């Protein structure tokens, strides 16, 4: 694919990708979705709080009415 390069290690295994920033501008929404998915996947094992508890905390801190 034009504008995309794969970086490999000593055994020719793909370890990273380089993307031309001009290419990213053309696919801004798609890249945002991809990044959101990567972030969500990386956080899937984090501890979670119930929404009601978060709302209660924000109200107590005066950040939510």
Protein backbone atom coordinates (compact mmCIF):
# COMPACT_ATOMS: atom_id res chain seq x y z
CA UNK A 1 0.00 0.00 0.00
CA UNK A 2 1.36 3.41 -0.93
CA UNK A 3 2.49 5.43 2.08
CA UNK A 4 2.73 2.42 4.41
CA UNK A 5 5.97 0.67 5.37
CA UNK A 6 6.45 -2.29 7.68
CA UNK A 7 9.49 -2.41 9.94
CA UNK A 8 10.92 -5.85 10.64
CA UNK A 9 13.26 -7.37 13.19
CA UNK A 10 16.35 -9.50 12.49
CA UNK A 11 14.22 -12.53 11.61
CA UNK A 12 12.10 -10.50 9.17
CA UNK A 13 9.08 -10.51 11.52
CA UNK A 14 6.90 -7.39 11.20
CA UNK A 15 7.19 -5.38 14.43
CA UNK A 16 5.96 -1.90 13.52
CA UNK A 17 4.34 0.12 10.78
CA UNK A 18 5.22 3.54 9.41
CA UNK A 19 2.41 5.55 7.85
CA UNK A 20 2.89 8.71 5.80
CA UNK A 21 1.10 11.55 7.60
CA UNK A 22 -0.34 12.84 4.32
CA UNK A 23 -2.07 9.48 3.92
CA UNK A 24 -3.57 9.81 7.40
CA UNK A 25 -5.18 13.13 6.48
CA UNK A 26 -7.20 11.38 3.75
CA UNK A 27 -8.53 8.75 6.17
CA UNK A 28 -8.95 10.84 9.33
CA UNK A 29 -12.22 9.24 10.53
CA UNK A 30 -11.04 5.70 9.85
CA UNK A 31 -7.75 6.31 11.67
CA UNK A 32 -9.61 7.75 14.65
CA UNK A 33 -11.75 4.60 14.79
CA UNK A 34 -8.65 2.40 14.54
CA UNK A 35 -6.89 4.26 17.35
CA UNK A 36 -10.03 4.13 19.52
CA UNK A 37 -10.15 0.36 18.98
CA UNK A 38 -6.49 -0.05 19.91
CA UNK A 39 -6.98 1.98 23.10
CA UNK A 40 -10.11 0.02 24.04
CA UNK A 41 -8.32 -3.28 23.48
CA UNK A 42 -5.35 -2.19 25.59
CA UNK A 43 -7.65 -1.22 28.48
CA UNK A 44 -9.96 -4.26 28.45
CA UNK A 45 -8.46 -5.78 31.61
CA UNK A 46 -8.47 -2.59 33.68
CA UNK A 47 -10.67 -2.34 36.76
CA UNK A 48 -14.05 -0.80 36.07
CA UNK A 49 -16.44 1.30 38.13
CA UNK A 50 -20.21 1.32 37.76
CA UNK A 51 -21.53 4.41 35.98
CA UNK A 52 -23.63 5.34 39.01
CA UNK A 53 -20.48 5.45 41.18
CA UNK A 54 -18.68 7.66 38.65
CA UNK A 55 -21.65 10.06 38.48
CA UNK A 56 -21.84 10.21 42.28
CA UNK A 57 -18.11 11.02 42.52
CA UNK A 58 -18.34 13.73 39.85
CA UNK A 59 -21.32 15.33 41.60
CA UNK A 60 -19.51 15.27 44.95
CA UNK A 61 -16.49 16.96 43.32
CA UNK A 62 -18.75 19.62 41.81
CA UNK A 63 -17.87 18.59 38.26
CA UNK A 64 -21.41 17.45 37.46
CA UNK A 65 -24.79 18.85 38.48
